[in-house]
Amino acid sequence: MKIRILILPKFDIGPLGNGICGEGELFYKEYVEGGTEYELTGLFPGEKLYVKDGIALTLTHAGKVNTTATLMAILTDPRFDCSQMLTLSVGCAGTNYECTTMGDVVLASAYADYDLGHQVIGSDGKLTWFPDSGLCEYGCVKPDQNRINSVYEQIKDIQLDTTEKTIAFMKRNVDANHRVYPRILKGSFITSDNYWKGEEGHNIAKKINKYYGCPDEYLVSDMEDIAVARVLERFGLSERLISIRVSVNLDCYMNGATPEKLWSSNCFEDNMLEEDNEEGADIFETAMRNLFKVGKEIIMTMEN
């Protein structure tokens, strides 16, 4: 079985096919529903690989380990020919509060690891980051920028949607000159297994991006994409990877949010489905539709 395109969302809201928009639902319905379901050793427990007409999809679940195991399971299964496989990694994310707005879709121009190096409390009492050359030599992947720029040119003018509540939420929490209507951007993805938030983490992400000399500014905080890029690199497929993320919250505290209010009880999925939540107003479902709209255009481009 030859896999032409692999779509990699990270989580969904309940089982795929239930009509509730998580990262994978719309892609599942469009591309693989009704296809063949495969069980693979190494997928996240309970997940399957769905394949139809050469397009495959599975949920990796959160973090670099789950993502690495999922990709390795697919790439090494003898039933599949992945030698020419194109990978579209999709998902939601937190984004740089200085230059993004909720609902933005960001195309990755570089992938860097937030966790390699030394994160310590500095002499000023603030959390900071120092590189370690022995670790950081494999902490960044920079794809061919001509290819990324070509993809960006094809998607940059797609019109994205937002909600009135999200616009009002943004206006309450950002300065008057901050953009509140979403658009498509290009920038660096900084991956951490830790779901961080706040000014110190924001500054670390910017510092890591600068250390690696990434071609664009840090825009996305995610939990999986450096793992996707690194695994595909080992198999000679990193130049066949496209990653997009949609912003569902910013990397700063907004609307009176505190760590305790955000995370002491509710999981991420429950929180983001609540209207007027402290992180993302009611943007989540609209953001998933923005993600799908851009992803569908990229898949059309991949197939040509």
C-alpha atoms as a PDB file:
ATOM      1  CA  MET A   1       0.000   0.000   0.000  1.00  0.00           C
ATOM      2  CA  LYS A   2       1.546   3.276  -1.118  1.00  0.00           C
ATOM      3  CA  ILE A   3       0.850   6.255   1.126  1.00  0.00           C
ATOM      4  CA  ARG A   4       0.975   9.464  -0.897  1.00  0.00           C
ATOM      5  CA  ILE A   5      -0.063  11.881   1.850  1.00  0.00           C
ATOM      6  CA  LEU A   6      -0.062  11.442   5.621  1.00  0.00           C
ATOM      7  CA  ILE A   7      -2.201  13.872   7.624  1.00  0.00           C
ATOM      8  CA  LEU A   8      -1.119  14.148  11.266  1.00  0.00           C
ATOM      9  CA  PRO A   9      -3.522  15.891  13.654  1.00  0.00           C
ATOM     10  CA  LYS A  10      -2.699  15.521  17.332  1.00  0.00           C
ATOM     11  CA  PHE A  11      -6.035  15.180  19.163  1.00  0.00           C
ATOM     12  CA  ASP A  12      -9.760  15.310  18.636  1.00  0.00           C
ATOM     13  CA  ILE A  13     -12.855  15.854  20.750  1.00  0.00           C
ATOM     14  CA  GLY A  14     -14.181  12.333  21.214  1.00  0.00           C
ATOM     15  CA  PRO A  15     -13.981   9.710  18.442  1.00  0.00           C
ATOM     16  CA  LEU A  16     -13.311  10.736  14.871  1.00  0.00           C
ATOM     17  CA  GLY A  17     -16.501  10.961  12.833  1.00  0.00           C
ATOM     18  CA  ASN A  18     -18.694  12.307  15.636  1.00  0.00           C
ATOM     19  CA  GLY A  19     -19.123  15.724  14.022  1.00  0.00           C
ATOM     20  CA  ILE A  20     -17.345  17.691  16.763  1.00  0.00           C
ATOM     21  CA  CYS A  21     -14.478  19.775  15.400  1.00  0.00           C
ATOM     22  CA  GLY A  22     -11.145  18.824  16.894  1.00  0.00           C
ATOM     23  CA  GLU A  23      -7.888  18.920  14.959  1.00  0.00           C
ATOM     24  CA  GLY A  24      -8.655  15.812  12.920  1.00  0.00           C
ATOM     25  CA  GLU A  25     -12.424  15.705  12.428  1.00  0.00           C
ATOM     26  CA  LEU A  26     -12.776  17.747   9.242  1.00  0.00           C
ATOM     27  CA  PHE A  27      -9.764  16.090   7.614  1.00  0.00           C
ATOM     28  CA  TYR A  28     -11.104  12.670   8.562  1.00  0.00           C
ATOM     29  CA  LYS A  29     -14.510  13.389   7.034  1.00  0.00           C
ATOM     30  CA  GLU A  30     -13.023  14.829   3.846  1.00  0.00           C
ATOM     31  CA  TYR A  31     -10.265  12.337   3.109  1.00  0.00           C
ATOM     32  CA  VAL A  32     -10.401   8.990   4.903  1.00  0.00           C
ATOM     33  CA  GLU A  33     -13.882   8.260   6.243  1.00  0.00           C
ATOM     34  CA  GLY A  34     -15.053   4.938   4.861  1.00  0.00           C
ATOM     35  CA  GLY A  35     -11.536   3.821   4.014  1.00  0.00           C
ATOM     36  CA  THR A  36      -9.505   0.964   5.445  1.00  0.00           C
ATOM     37  CA  GLU A  37      -8.664   0.963   9.145  1.00  0.00           C
ATOM     38  CA  TYR A  38      -5.298  -0.467  10.192  1.00  0.00           C
ATOM     39  CA  GLU A  39      -4.083  -1.416  13.634  1.00  0.00           C
ATOM     40  CA  LEU A  40      -0.341  -0.784  14.057  1.00  0.00           C
ATOM     41  CA  THR A  41       1.958  -1.604  16.917  1.00  0.00           C
ATOM     42  CA  GLY A  42       3.279   1.712  18.197  1.00  0.00           C
ATOM     43  CA  LEU A  43       0.229   3.904  17.612  1.00  0.00           C
ATOM     44  CA  PHE A  44      -1.310   5.606  20.611  1.00  0.00           C
ATOM     45  CA  PRO A  45      -3.467   3.031  22.455  1.00  0.00           C
ATOM     46  CA  GLY A  46      -6.859   2.720  20.790  1.00  0.00           C
ATOM     47  CA  GLU A  47      -5.933   4.697  17.675  1.00  0.00           C
ATOM     48  CA  LYS A  48      -5.932   3.371  14.114  1.00  0.00           C
ATOM     49  CA  LEU A  49      -4.418   4.453  10.837  1.00  0.00           C
ATOM     50  CA  TYR A  50      -7.161   5.358   8.381  1.00  0.00           C
ATOM     51  CA  VAL A  51      -6.243   5.023   4.699  1.00  0.00           C
ATOM     52  CA  LYS A  52      -8.277   5.858   1.603  1.00  0.00           C
ATOM     53  CA  ASP A  53      -7.087   6.493  -1.955  1.00  0.00           C
ATOM     54  CA  GLY A  54      -3.467   6.818  -0.837  1.00  0.00           C
ATOM     55  CA  ILE A  55      -4.208   9.362   1.902  1.00  0.00           C
ATOM     56  CA  ALA A  56      -3.660   8.309   5.520  1.00  0.00           C
ATOM     57  CA  LEU A  57      -4.581   9.919   8.835  1.00  0.00           C
ATOM     58  CA  THR A  58      -4.089   9.120  12.489  1.00  0.00           C
ATOM     59  CA  LEU A  59      -4.031  11.024  15.785  1.00  0.00           C
ATOM     60  CA  THR A  60      -0.619  11.202  17.452  1.00  0.00           C
ATOM     61  CA  HIS A  61      -1.802  12.592  20.821  1.00  0.00           C
ATOM     62  CA  ALA A  62       0.237  15.135  22.742  1.00  0.00           C
ATOM     63  CA  GLY A  63       3.982  15.374  23.041  1.00  0.00           C
ATOM     64  CA  LYS A  64       7.168  14.393  21.284  1.00  0.00           C
ATOM     65  CA  VAL A  65       7.262  10.776  22.483  1.00  0.00           C
ATOM     66  CA  ASN A  66       3.745   9.944  21.295  1.00  0.00           C
ATOM     67  CA  THR A  67       4.420  11.639  17.981  1.00  0.00           C
ATOM     68  CA  THR A  68       7.736   9.878  17.434  1.00  0.00           C
ATOM     69  CA  ALA A  69       6.230   6.474  18.237  1.00  0.00           C
ATOM     70  CA  THR A  70       3.313   7.106  15.867  1.00  0.00           C
ATOM     71  CA  LEU A  71       5.509   8.119  12.955  1.00  0.00           C
ATOM     72  CA  MET A  72       7.919   5.233  13.501  1.00  0.00           C
ATOM     73  CA  ALA A  73       4.995   2.799  13.548  1.00  0.00           C
ATOM     74  CA  ILE A  74       3.829   4.028  10.149  1.00  0.00           C
ATOM     75  CA  LEU A  75       7.247   4.392   8.516  1.00  0.00           C
ATOM     76  CA  THR A  76       8.448   0.922   9.525  1.00  0.00           C
ATOM     77  CA  ASP A  77       5.275  -1.090   8.906  1.00  0.00           C
ATOM     78  CA  PRO A  78       6.024  -3.367   5.922  1.00  0.00           C
ATOM     79  CA  ARG A  79       2.462  -3.027   4.630  1.00  0.00           C
ATOM     80  CA  PHE A  80       3.070   0.590   3.633  1.00  0.00           C
ATOM     81  CA  ASP A  81       5.306   2.207   1.045  1.00  0.00           C
ATOM     82  CA  CYS A  82       6.213   5.592   2.531  1.00  0.00           C
ATOM     83  CA  SER A  83       9.217   6.277   0.305  1.00  0.00           C
ATOM     84  CA  GLN A  84       7.561   9.220  -1.454  1.00  0.00           C
ATOM     85  CA  MET A  85       5.161  10.175   1.311  1.00  0.00           C
ATOM     86  CA  LEU A  86       4.177  13.794   1.796  1.00  0.00           C
ATOM     87  CA  THR A  87       3.304  14.712   5.397  1.00  0.00           C
ATOM     88  CA  LEU A  88       0.922  17.447   6.458  1.00  0.00           C
ATOM     89  CA  SER A  89       1.179  18.079  10.200  1.00  0.00           C
ATOM     90  CA  VAL A  90      -1.828  20.032  11.474  1.00  0.00           C
ATOM     91  CA  GLY A  91      -3.000  21.265  14.835  1.00  0.00           C
ATOM     92  CA  CYS A  92      -3.849  24.121  17.127  1.00  0.00           C
ATOM     93  CA  ALA A  93      -1.315  26.071  19.171  1.00  0.00           C
ATOM     94  CA  GLY A  94      -0.533  28.983  21.379  1.00  0.00           C
ATOM     95  CA  THR A  95       1.092  31.833  19.504  1.00  0.00           C
ATOM     96  CA  ASN A  96       3.328  34.846  20.023  1.00  0.00           C
ATOM     97  CA  TYR A  97       1.184  37.515  21.698  1.00  0.00           C
ATOM     98  CA  GLU A  98       3.210  40.341  20.169  1.00  0.00           C
ATOM     99  CA  CYS A  99       2.353  39.627  16.550  1.00  0.00           C
ATOM    100  CA  THR A 100      -0.483  37.113  16.192  1.00  0.00           C
ATOM    101  CA  THR A 101      -4.189  36.997  16.852  1.00  0.00           C
ATOM    102  CA  MET A 102      -6.451  34.078  17.591  1.00  0.00           C
ATOM    103  CA  GLY A 103      -7.611  32.355  14.418  1.00  0.00           C
ATOM    104  CA  ASP A 104      -4.329  32.974  12.552  1.00  0.00           C
ATOM    105  CA  VAL A 105      -2.950  30.009  10.610  1.00  0.00           C
ATOM    106  CA  VAL A 106       0.843  29.765  10.643  1.00  0.00           C
ATOM    107  CA  LEU A 107       3.036  27.874   8.173  1.00  0.00           C
ATOM    108  CA  ALA A 108       6.270  26.541   9.673  1.00  0.00           C
ATOM    109  CA  SER A 109       9.514  27.859   8.202  1.00  0.00           C
ATOM    110  CA  ALA A 110      11.650  26.258  10.960  1.00  0.00           C
ATOM    111  CA  TYR A 111      11.273  23.876  13.887  1.00  0.00           C
ATOM    112  CA  ALA A 112      13.203  24.267  17.147  1.00  0.00           C
ATOM    113  CA  ASP A 113      13.206  22.345  20.425  1.00  0.00           C
ATOM    114  CA  TYR A 114      12.318  24.357  23.528  1.00  0.00           C
ATOM    115  CA  ASP A 115      13.474  21.614  25.888  1.00  0.00           C
ATOM    116  CA  LEU A 116      17.096  21.049  24.838  1.00  0.00           C
ATOM    117  CA  GLY A 117      19.679  23.117  26.697  1.00  0.00           C
ATOM    118  CA  HIS A 118      19.458  24.511  30.222  1.00  0.00           C
ATOM    119  CA  GLN A 119      16.380  26.194  31.685  1.00  0.00           C
ATOM    120  CA  VAL A 120      17.329  27.673  35.030  1.00  0.00           C
ATOM    121  CA  ILE A 121      16.513  30.463  37.428  1.00  0.00           C
ATOM    122  CA  GLY A 122      19.073  33.135  36.581  1.00  0.00           C
ATOM    123  CA  SER A 123      20.843  35.475  38.958  1.00  0.00           C
ATOM    124  CA  ASP A 124      18.010  37.972  38.463  1.00  0.00           C
ATOM    125  CA  GLY A 125      15.527  35.435  39.832  1.00  0.00           C
ATOM    126  CA  LYS A 126      13.831  34.884  36.459  1.00  0.00           C
ATOM    127  CA  LEU A 127      13.562  31.714  34.413  1.00  0.00           C
ATOM    128  CA  THR A 128      15.985  31.790  31.491  1.00  0.00           C
ATOM    129  CA  TRP A 129      17.631  29.471  28.955  1.00  0.00           C
ATOM    130  CA  PHE A 130      21.221  28.707  28.026  1.00  0.00           C
ATOM    131  CA  PRO A 131      22.259  26.559  25.055  1.00  0.00           C
ATOM    132  CA  ASP A 132      24.340  23.407  25.360  1.00  0.00           C
ATOM    133  CA  SER A 133      26.202  22.689  22.139  1.00  0.00           C
ATOM    134  CA  GLY A 134      26.195  18.962  22.822  1.00  0.00           C
ATOM    135  CA  LEU A 135      22.409  18.942  22.952  1.00  0.00           C
ATOM    136  CA  CYS A 136      21.457  21.789  20.680  1.00  0.00           C
ATOM    137  CA  GLU A 137      23.302  20.463  17.645  1.00  0.00           C
ATOM    138  CA  TYR A 138      20.122  18.533  16.864  1.00  0.00           C
ATOM    139  CA  GLY A 139      17.641  21.036  18.259  1.00  0.00           C
ATOM    140  CA  CYS A 140      16.512  22.705  15.036  1.00  0.00           C
ATOM    141  CA  VAL A 141      15.341  21.731  11.555  1.00  0.00           C
ATOM    142  CA  LYS A 142      15.258  24.335   8.794  1.00  0.00           C
ATOM    143  CA  PRO A 143      13.504  23.193   5.626  1.00  0.00           C
ATOM    144  CA  ASP A 144      14.297  24.556   2.194  1.00  0.00           C
ATOM    145  CA  GLN A 145      13.014  28.122   2.301  1.00  0.00           C
ATOM    146  CA  ASN A 146      12.257  28.295  -1.412  1.00  0.00           C
ATOM    147  CA  ARG A 147       9.818  25.423  -0.980  1.00  0.00           C
ATOM    148  CA  ILE A 148       8.225  26.958   2.110  1.00  0.00           C
ATOM    149  CA  ASN A 149       7.960  30.349   0.430  1.00  0.00           C
ATOM    150  CA  SER A 150       6.291  28.723  -2.566  1.00  0.00           C
ATOM    151  CA  VAL A 151       3.666  27.112  -0.333  1.00  0.00           C
ATOM    152  CA  TYR A 152       3.159  30.396   1.496  1.00  0.00           C
ATOM    153  CA  GLU A 153       2.555  32.267  -1.754  1.00  0.00           C
ATOM    154  CA  GLN A 154      -0.169  29.783  -2.648  1.00  0.00           C
ATOM    155  CA  ILE A 155      -2.036  30.064   0.652  1.00  0.00           C
ATOM    156  CA  LYS A 156      -1.349  33.556   1.972  1.00  0.00           C
ATOM    157  CA  ASP A 157      -4.486  35.185   0.557  1.00  0.00           C
ATOM    158  CA  ILE A 158      -6.989  32.631   1.855  1.00  0.00           C
ATOM    159  CA  GLN A 159      -9.637  34.455   3.871  1.00  0.00           C
ATOM    160  CA  LEU A 160      -9.907  33.290   7.459  1.00  0.00           C
ATOM    161  CA  ASP A 161     -12.815  33.649   9.852  1.00  0.00           C
ATOM    162  CA  THR A 162     -13.220  34.787  13.426  1.00  0.00           C
ATOM    163  CA  THR A 163     -16.116  35.443  15.808  1.00  0.00           C
ATOM    164  CA  GLU A 164     -17.549  38.591  17.305  1.00  0.00           C
ATOM    165  CA  LYS A 165     -16.796  37.298  20.801  1.00  0.00           C
ATOM    166  CA  THR A 166     -13.170  36.639  19.862  1.00  0.00           C
ATOM    167  CA  ILE A 167     -12.785  40.117  18.381  1.00  0.00           C
ATOM    168  CA  ALA A 168     -14.214  41.659  21.544  1.00  0.00           C
ATOM    169  CA  PHE A 169     -12.014  39.401  23.693  1.00  0.00           C
ATOM    170  CA  MET A 170      -8.897  40.481  21.799  1.00  0.00           C
ATOM    171  CA  LYS A 171      -9.798  44.164  21.990  1.00  0.00           C
ATOM    172  CA  ARG A 172     -10.212  43.893  25.763  1.00  0.00           C
ATOM    173  CA  ASN A 173      -6.804  42.294  26.196  1.00  0.00           C
ATOM    174  CA  VAL A 174      -4.424  43.876  23.663  1.00  0.00           C
ATOM    175  CA  ASP A 175      -3.406  47.412  22.776  1.00  0.00           C
ATOM    176  CA  ALA A 176      -5.377  49.489  20.326  1.00  0.00           C
ATOM    177  CA  ASN A 177      -2.994  48.876  17.421  1.00  0.00           C
ATOM    178  CA  HIS A 178      -3.006  45.086  17.699  1.00  0.00           C
ATOM    179  CA  ARG A 179      -4.499  43.216  14.733  1.00  0.00           C
ATOM    180  CA  VAL A 180      -7.687  41.327  15.660  1.00  0.00           C
ATOM    181  CA  TYR A 181      -8.680  39.784  12.312  1.00  0.00           C
ATOM    182  CA  PRO A 182      -6.845  36.519  11.475  1.00  0.00           C
ATOM    183  CA  ARG A 183      -4.603  35.905   8.514  1.00  0.00           C
ATOM    184  CA  ILE A 184      -2.024  33.409   7.273  1.00  0.00           C
ATOM    185  CA  LEU A 185       1.538  33.872   8.529  1.00  0.00           C
ATOM    186  CA  LYS A 186       4.910  32.158   8.221  1.00  0.00           C
ATOM    187  CA  GLY A 187       7.247  31.634  11.166  1.00  0.00           C
ATOM    188  CA  SER A 188       9.135  29.369  13.537  1.00  0.00           C
ATOM    189  CA  PHE A 189       7.532  26.587  15.557  1.00  0.00           C
ATOM    190  CA  ILE A 190       9.060  26.114  19.025  1.00  0.00           C
ATOM    191  CA  THR A 191       8.201  22.682  20.447  1.00  0.00           C
ATOM    192  CA  SER A 192       8.020  21.751  24.114  1.00  0.00           C
ATOM    193  CA  ASP A 193       6.508  18.793  25.947  1.00  0.00           C
ATOM    194  CA  ASN A 194       5.629  21.353  28.606  1.00  0.00           C
ATOM    195  CA  TYR A 195       2.543  23.509  28.001  1.00  0.00           C
ATOM    196  CA  TRP A 196       4.123  26.781  29.124  1.00  0.00           C
ATOM    197  CA  LYS A 197       2.697  30.291  29.239  1.00  0.00           C
ATOM    198  CA  GLY A 198       3.825  33.739  30.333  1.00  0.00           C
ATOM    199  CA  GLU A 199       6.468  36.366  29.709  1.00  0.00           C
ATOM    200  CA  GLU A 200       9.493  34.328  30.792  1.00  0.00           C
ATOM    201  CA  GLY A 201       8.562  31.425  28.534  1.00  0.00           C
ATOM    202  CA  HIS A 202       7.834  33.865  25.708  1.00  0.00           C
ATOM    203  CA  ASN A 203      11.300  35.380  26.056  1.00  0.00           C
ATOM    204  CA  ILE A 204      12.913  31.923  26.122  1.00  0.00           C
ATOM    205  CA  ALA A 205      11.154  31.006  22.875  1.00  0.00           C
ATOM    206  CA  LYS A 206      12.452  34.188  21.244  1.00  0.00           C
ATOM    207  CA  LYS A 207      15.963  33.487  22.567  1.00  0.00           C
ATOM    208  CA  ILE A 208      15.930  29.925  21.196  1.00  0.00           C
ATOM    209  CA  ASN A 209      14.715  31.162  17.830  1.00  0.00           C
ATOM    210  CA  LYS A 210      17.557  33.684  17.689  1.00  0.00           C
ATOM    211  CA  TYR A 211      20.169  31.133  18.821  1.00  0.00           C
ATOM    212  CA  TYR A 212      19.327  28.812  15.933  1.00  0.00           C
ATOM    213  CA  GLY A 213      19.223  31.608  13.390  1.00  0.00           C
ATOM    214  CA  CYS A 214      15.731  30.733  12.224  1.00  0.00           C
ATOM    215  CA  PRO A 215      14.708  32.588   9.057  1.00  0.00           C
ATOM    216  CA  ASP A 216      11.511  34.030  10.547  1.00  0.00           C
ATOM    217  CA  GLU A 217      10.409  35.131  13.993  1.00  0.00           C
ATOM    218  CA  TYR A 218       9.013  32.782  16.602  1.00  0.00           C
ATOM    219  CA  LEU A 219       5.254  32.546  16.131  1.00  0.00           C
ATOM    220  CA  VAL A 220       4.046  29.141  17.366  1.00  0.00           C
ATOM    221  CA  SER A 221       4.390  27.246  20.632  1.00  0.00           C
ATOM    222  CA  ASP A 222       3.496  23.595  20.001  1.00  0.00           C
ATOM    223  CA  MET A 223       4.127  20.189  21.572  1.00  0.00           C
ATOM    224  CA  GLU A 224       4.964  17.902  18.631  1.00  0.00           C
ATOM    225  CA  ASP A 225       6.382  19.385  15.439  1.00  0.00           C
ATOM    226  CA  ILE A 226      10.127  19.190  16.091  1.00  0.00           C
ATOM    227  CA  ALA A 227       9.568  15.455  16.627  1.00  0.00           C
ATOM    228  CA  VAL A 228       7.728  15.168  13.307  1.00  0.00           C
ATOM    229  CA  ALA A 229      10.523  17.018  11.526  1.00  0.00           C
ATOM    230  CA  ARG A 230      13.333  15.041  13.182  1.00  0.00           C
ATOM    231  CA  VAL A 231      11.830  11.610  12.525  1.00  0.00           C
ATOM    232  CA  LEU A 232      11.128  12.441   8.896  1.00  0.00           C
ATOM    233  CA  GLU A 233      14.657  13.804   8.576  1.00  0.00           C
ATOM    234  CA  ARG A 234      16.060  10.408   9.680  1.00  0.00           C
ATOM    235  CA  PHE A 235      14.067   8.769   6.884  1.00  0.00           C
ATOM    236  CA  GLY A 236      15.036  11.318   4.237  1.00  0.00           C
ATOM    237  CA  LEU A 237      11.541  12.799   4.144  1.00  0.00           C
ATOM    238  CA  SER A 238      11.903  16.126   5.955  1.00  0.00           C
ATOM    239  CA  GLU A 239      11.683  18.082   2.708  1.00  0.00           C
ATOM    240  CA  ARG A 240       8.316  16.458   2.130  1.00  0.00           C
ATOM    241  CA  LEU A 241       6.853  17.907   5.337  1.00  0.00           C
ATOM    242  CA  ILE A 242       4.489  20.861   5.621  1.00  0.00           C
ATOM    243  CA  SER A 243       3.266  21.961   9.064  1.00  0.00           C
ATOM    244  CA  ILE A 244       0.474  24.393   9.838  1.00  0.00           C
ATOM    245  CA  ARG A 245      -0.957  25.459  13.170  1.00  0.00           C
ATOM    246  CA  VAL A 246      -3.970  27.591  14.003  1.00  0.00           C
ATOM    247  CA  SER A 247      -3.895  29.955  16.966  1.00  0.00           C
ATOM    248  CA  VAL A 248      -6.447  29.180  19.677  1.00  0.00           C
ATOM    249  CA  ASN A 249      -4.742  31.181  22.427  1.00  0.00           C
ATOM    250  CA  LEU A 250      -1.781  33.473  22.951  1.00  0.00           C
ATOM    251  CA  ASP A 251       1.375  32.787  24.961  1.00  0.00           C
ATOM    252  CA  CYS A 252       0.457  35.376  27.593  1.00  0.00           C
ATOM    253  CA  TYR A 253      -2.227  35.402  30.285  1.00  0.00           C
ATOM    254  CA  MET A 254      -5.392  37.163  29.163  1.00  0.00           C
ATOM    255  CA  ASN A 255      -8.843  38.027  30.482  1.00  0.00           C
ATOM    256  CA  GLY A 256      -7.871  37.545  34.113  1.00  0.00           C
ATOM    257  CA  ALA A 257      -6.458  34.072  33.583  1.00  0.00           C
ATOM    258  CA  THR A 258      -4.109  32.510  36.112  1.00  0.00           C
ATOM    259  CA  PRO A 259      -2.373  29.126  36.054  1.00  0.00           C
ATOM    260  CA  GLU A 260      -4.750  27.885  38.740  1.00  0.00           C
ATOM    261  CA  LYS A 261      -7.864  28.973  36.847  1.00  0.00           C
ATOM    262  CA  LEU A 262      -6.615  27.479  33.574  1.00  0.00           C
ATOM    263  CA  TRP A 263      -5.266  24.146  34.675  1.00  0.00           C
ATOM    264  CA  SER A 264      -6.236  23.138  38.199  1.00  0.00           C
ATOM    265  CA  SER A 265      -9.235  21.089  37.024  1.00  0.00           C
ATOM    266  CA  ASN A 266     -10.225  21.301  33.367  1.00  0.00           C
ATOM    267  CA  CYS A 267      -8.257  19.625  30.621  1.00  0.00           C
ATOM    268  CA  PHE A 268      -7.331  21.634  27.530  1.00  0.00           C
ATOM    269  CA  GLU A 269     -10.104  20.190  25.358  1.00  0.00           C
ATOM    270  CA  ASP A 270     -12.821  20.996  27.917  1.00  0.00           C
ATOM    271  CA  ASN A 271     -11.485  24.513  28.494  1.00  0.00           C
ATOM    272  CA  MET A 272     -11.293  25.437  24.815  1.00  0.00           C
ATOM    273  CA  LEU A 273     -14.885  24.348  24.175  1.00  0.00           C
ATOM    274  CA  GLU A 274     -16.212  26.665  26.874  1.00  0.00           C
ATOM    275  CA  GLU A 275     -17.448  30.033  25.647  1.00  0.00           C
ATOM    276  CA  ASP A 276     -15.692  33.044  27.183  1.00  0.00           C
ATOM    277  CA  ASN A 277     -12.919  30.891  28.605  1.00  0.00           C
ATOM    278  CA  GLU A 278      -9.839  32.707  29.860  1.00  0.00           C
ATOM    279  CA  GLU A 279      -7.613  31.585  27.000  1.00  0.00           C
ATOM    280  CA  GLY A 280      -9.545  31.766  23.777  1.00  0.00           C
ATOM    281  CA  ALA A 281     -13.100  33.182  23.988  1.00  0.00           C
ATOM    282  CA  ASP A 282     -15.138  31.022  21.547  1.00  0.00           C
ATOM    283  CA  ILE A 283     -12.548  30.725  18.758  1.00  0.00           C
ATOM    284  CA  PHE A 284     -11.902  26.971  18.868  1.00  0.00           C
ATOM    285  CA  GLU A 285     -14.400  25.598  16.335  1.00  0.00           C
ATOM    286  CA  THR A 286     -13.857  28.536  13.975  1.00  0.00           C
ATOM    287  CA  ALA A 287     -10.107  28.009  14.279  1.00  0.00           C
ATOM    288  CA  MET A 288     -10.487  24.335  13.339  1.00  0.00           C
ATOM    289  CA  ARG A 289     -12.351  25.385  10.208  1.00  0.00           C
ATOM    290  CA  ASN A 290      -9.611  27.870   9.349  1.00  0.00           C
ATOM    291  CA  LEU A 291      -7.039  25.100   9.782  1.00  0.00           C
ATOM    292  CA  PHE A 292      -8.974  22.779   7.504  1.00  0.00           C
ATOM    293  CA  LYS A 293      -9.492  25.436   4.848  1.00  0.00           C
ATOM    294  CA  VAL A 294      -5.760  26.074   4.598  1.00  0.00           C
ATOM    295  CA  GLY A 295      -4.859  22.398   4.917  1.00  0.00           C
ATOM    296  CA  LYS A 296      -7.208  21.447   2.086  1.00  0.00           C
ATOM    297  CA  GLU A 297      -5.543  23.974  -0.208  1.00  0.00           C
ATOM    298  CA  ILE A 298      -2.115  22.605   0.694  1.00  0.00           C
ATOM    299  CA  ILE A 299      -3.226  19.035  -0.018  1.00  0.00           C
ATOM    300  CA  MET A 300      -4.492  20.127  -3.451  1.00  0.00           C
ATOM    301  CA  THR A 301      -1.070  21.698  -4.037  1.00  0.00           C
ATOM    302  CA  MET A 302       0.752  18.578  -2.812  1.00  0.00           C
ATOM    303  CA  GLU A 303      -1.140  16.390  -5.251  1.00  0.00           C
ATOM    304  CA  ASN A 304      -0.293  18.539  -8.288  1.00  0.00           C
END
